């Protein structure tokens, strides 16, 4: 009987060690896999966030350029008040640029919230959908703003071509 006990103990230890999953050199522990997955998820958002930042930069440049056009005096501009009405097209353009900047900030907010906050299994999908929705709104707003500024440019060019007596302010 005494010889039987060591065999049982040996068999039990062999069974218990063989039932545990063996990790190969390529296998990564579960906690490391979830960390790698979170890092991969965050990397997927970086492209959208970078695109949103560039749209915001373009919106600021367009707004600054339109202010220079409005306040500058070194170019030909309409003298008649009716002809100067084309500058009213700047107002909706600026409003849409402001909305573009707002949605750019919302994209940043969603990204930072995902990066810093605690994560649950469904967070990645919800965050991706929210980020995509804000990014679509930002793209739409800058496109509409560009339409208004484009309409102003067409009207200005038509006035410049048709009006031979366009005055150069500043002279």
Protein backbone atom coordinates (compact mmCIF):
# COMPACT_ATOMS: atom_id res chain seq x y z
CA UNK A 1 0.00 0.00 0.00
CA UNK A 2 2.87 2.30 0.77
CA UNK A 3 4.20 1.86 -2.79
CA UNK A 4 0.77 2.70 -4.18
CA UNK A 5 0.56 6.19 -2.55
CA UNK A 6 3.61 7.64 -4.37
CA UNK A 7 2.21 6.39 -7.68
CA UNK A 8 -1.12 8.12 -7.01
CA UNK A 9 0.62 11.33 -6.04
CA UNK A 10 2.81 11.14 -9.12
CA UNK A 11 -0.19 10.48 -11.36
CA UNK A 12 -2.13 13.35 -9.76
CA UNK A 13 0.72 15.79 -10.29
CA UNK A 14 1.12 14.70 -13.90
CA UNK A 15 -2.61 15.11 -14.56
CA UNK A 16 -2.82 18.48 -12.83
CA UNK A 17 0.20 19.90 -14.68
CA UNK A 18 -0.92 18.55 -18.04
CA UNK A 19 -4.42 20.04 -17.65
CA UNK A 20 -3.01 23.55 -17.34
CA UNK A 21 -2.63 25.29 -20.69
CA UNK A 22 0.94 25.33 -21.80
CA UNK A 23 2.33 28.56 -23.12
CA UNK A 24 4.53 28.36 -26.10
CA UNK A 25 7.11 30.96 -26.96
CA UNK A 26 4.57 32.68 -29.25
CA UNK A 27 1.73 32.66 -26.72
CA UNK A 28 1.06 35.87 -24.82
CA UNK A 29 -0.74 35.88 -21.46
CA UNK A 30 -4.35 37.07 -21.47
CA UNK A 31 -3.71 40.34 -19.63
CA UNK A 32 -0.95 41.21 -22.10
CA UNK A 33 -3.29 40.39 -25.00
CA UNK A 34 -5.93 42.79 -23.68
CA UNK A 35 -3.29 45.49 -23.25
CA UNK A 36 -2.11 44.92 -26.81
CA UNK A 37 -5.74 45.02 -28.01
CA UNK A 38 -6.34 48.34 -26.24
CA UNK A 39 -3.19 49.78 -27.79
CA UNK A 40 -4.28 48.54 -31.20
CA UNK A 41 -7.73 50.07 -30.73
CA UNK A 42 -6.24 53.41 -29.73
CA UNK A 43 -3.98 53.32 -32.81
CA UNK A 44 -7.02 52.81 -35.03
CA UNK A 45 -8.49 56.07 -33.73
CA UNK A 46 -5.31 58.06 -34.30
CA UNK A 47 -5.88 58.31 -38.08
CA UNK A 48 -9.33 59.80 -37.60
CA UNK A 49 -8.12 62.17 -34.93
CA UNK A 50 -5.21 63.30 -37.10
CA UNK A 51 -7.56 63.93 -40.04
CA UNK A 52 -9.88 65.89 -37.74
CA UNK A 53 -6.95 68.03 -36.55
CA UNK A 54 -5.96 68.84 -40.13
CA UNK A 55 -9.56 69.82 -40.96
CA UNK A 56 -9.59 72.13 -37.93
CA UNK A 57 -6.32 73.70 -39.05
CA UNK A 58 -7.74 74.27 -42.54
CA UNK A 59 -10.87 75.82 -41.04
CA UNK A 60 -8.76 78.26 -39.03
CA UNK A 61 -6.66 79.15 -42.09
CA UNK A 62 -9.75 79.74 -44.22
CA UNK A 63 -11.34 81.93 -41.53
CA UNK A 64 -8.14 83.97 -41.16
CA UNK A 65 -7.78 84.34 -44.94
CA UNK A 66 -11.35 85.52 -45.31
CA UNK A 67 -10.81 88.09 -42.56
CA UNK A 68 -7.72 89.37 -44.38
CA UNK A 69 -9.78 89.67 -47.57
CA UNK A 70 -12.52 91.53 -45.73
CA UNK A 71 -10.24 93.91 -43.83
CA UNK A 72 -7.39 94.26 -46.33
CA UNK A 73 -7.11 97.21 -48.71
CA UNK A 74 -4.47 96.10 -51.20
CA UNK A 75 -6.79 94.55 -53.77
CA UNK A 76 -9.63 95.67 -55.99
CA UNK A 77 -13.02 95.66 -54.33
CA UNK A 78 -16.51 96.74 -55.35
CA UNK A 79 -17.33 100.36 -54.66
CA UNK A 80 -21.11 100.19 -54.93
CA UNK A 81 -23.00 99.02 -51.86
CA UNK A 82 -25.03 96.53 -53.92
CA UNK A 83 -21.85 95.01 -55.33
CA UNK A 84 -20.37 94.74 -51.83
CA UNK A 85 -23.31 92.54 -50.87
CA UNK A 86 -21.28 89.56 -52.05
CA UNK A 87 -19.37 89.79 -48.76
CA UNK A 88 -22.52 88.61 -46.97
CA UNK A 89 -21.56 85.15 -48.20
CA UNK A 90 -18.78 85.20 -45.60
CA UNK A 91 -21.28 85.03 -42.71
CA UNK A 92 -22.66 81.52 -43.34
CA UNK A 93 -19.16 80.39 -44.32
CA UNK A 94 -17.84 81.51 -40.95
CA UNK A 95 -20.74 79.83 -39.15
CA UNK A 96 -19.99 76.52 -40.84
CA UNK A 97 -16.29 76.90 -40.11
CA UNK A 98 -17.19 77.44 -36.46
CA UNK A 99 -19.26 74.23 -36.51
CA UNK A 100 -16.34 72.43 -38.14
CA UNK A 101 -14.07 73.54 -35.28
CA UNK A 102 -16.70 72.48 -32.72
CA UNK A 103 -16.95 68.97 -34.15
CA UNK A 104 -13.15 68.79 -34.29
CA UNK A 105 -13.10 69.43 -30.55
CA UNK A 106 -15.76 66.74 -30.05
CA UNK A 107 -13.57 64.23 -31.95
CA UNK A 108 -10.70 65.08 -29.60
CA UNK A 109 -13.00 64.74 -26.60
CA UNK A 110 -14.19 61.28 -27.63
CA UNK A 111 -10.63 60.11 -28.32
CA UNK A 112 -9.31 61.38 -24.99
CA UNK A 113 -12.28 59.89 -23.17
CA UNK A 114 -11.53 56.50 -24.67
CA UNK A 115 -7.79 56.77 -24.08
CA UNK A 116 -7.99 57.83 -20.44
CA UNK A 117 -11.21 56.27 -19.15
CA UNK A 118 -11.91 52.74 -18.01
CA UNK A 119 -12.79 50.35 -20.81
CA UNK A 120 -15.54 47.78 -21.11
CA UNK A 121 -15.88 45.28 -23.97
CA UNK A 122 -18.38 47.39 -25.96
CA UNK A 123 -16.53 50.68 -25.59
CA UNK A 124 -14.44 50.34 -28.72
CA UNK A 125 -17.44 49.97 -31.03
CA UNK A 126 -19.42 52.77 -29.38
CA UNK A 127 -16.42 55.09 -29.40
CA UNK A 128 -15.69 54.29 -33.04
CA UNK A 129 -19.28 55.07 -34.02
CA UNK A 130 -19.31 58.32 -32.05
CA UNK A 131 -15.95 59.42 -33.44
CA UNK A 132 -17.05 58.61 -37.00
CA UNK A 133 -20.30 60.57 -36.57
CA UNK A 134 -18.48 63.69 -35.34
CA UNK A 135 -15.88 63.37 -38.09
CA UNK A 136 -18.62 63.11 -40.75
CA UNK A 137 -20.27 66.26 -39.36
CA UNK A 138 -16.93 68.06 -39.39
CA UNK A 139 -16.28 67.10 -43.02
CA UNK A 140 -19.79 68.14 -44.04
CA UNK A 141 -19.45 71.53 -42.32
CA UNK A 142 -16.13 72.39 -43.93
CA UNK A 143 -17.51 71.36 -47.34
CA UNK A 144 -20.55 73.64 -46.93
CA UNK A 145 -18.28 76.48 -45.75
CA UNK A 146 -16.12 75.99 -48.84
CA UNK A 147 -19.23 76.20 -51.02
CA UNK A 148 -20.06 79.62 -49.56
CA UNK A 149 -16.50 80.88 -49.97
CA UNK A 150 -16.45 79.44 -53.49
CA UNK A 151 -19.68 81.30 -54.33
CA UNK A 152 -18.10 84.50 -53.04
CA UNK A 153 -15.02 83.89 -55.19
CA UNK A 154 -17.12 83.28 -58.31
CA UNK A 155 -19.16 86.43 -57.66
CA UNK A 156 -16.00 88.45 -57.03
CA UNK A 157 -14.31 87.18 -60.21
CA UNK A 158 -17.43 87.95 -62.25
CA UNK A 159 -17.52 91.46 -60.81
CA UNK A 160 -13.79 91.92 -61.47
CA UNK A 161 -14.06 90.76 -65.10
CA UNK A 162 -17.25 92.70 -65.89
CA UNK A 163 -16.46 95.94 -64.08
CA UNK A 164 -13.67 97.83 -65.90
CA UNK A 165 -13.71 100.65 -63.36
CA UNK A 166 -13.03 98.55 -60.32
CA UNK A 167 -11.24 100.78 -57.88
CA UNK A 168 -8.07 99.92 -56.08
CA UNK A 169 -8.51 100.95 -52.47
CA UNK A 170 -5.44 102.23 -50.75
CA UNK A 171 -4.47 104.54 -53.65
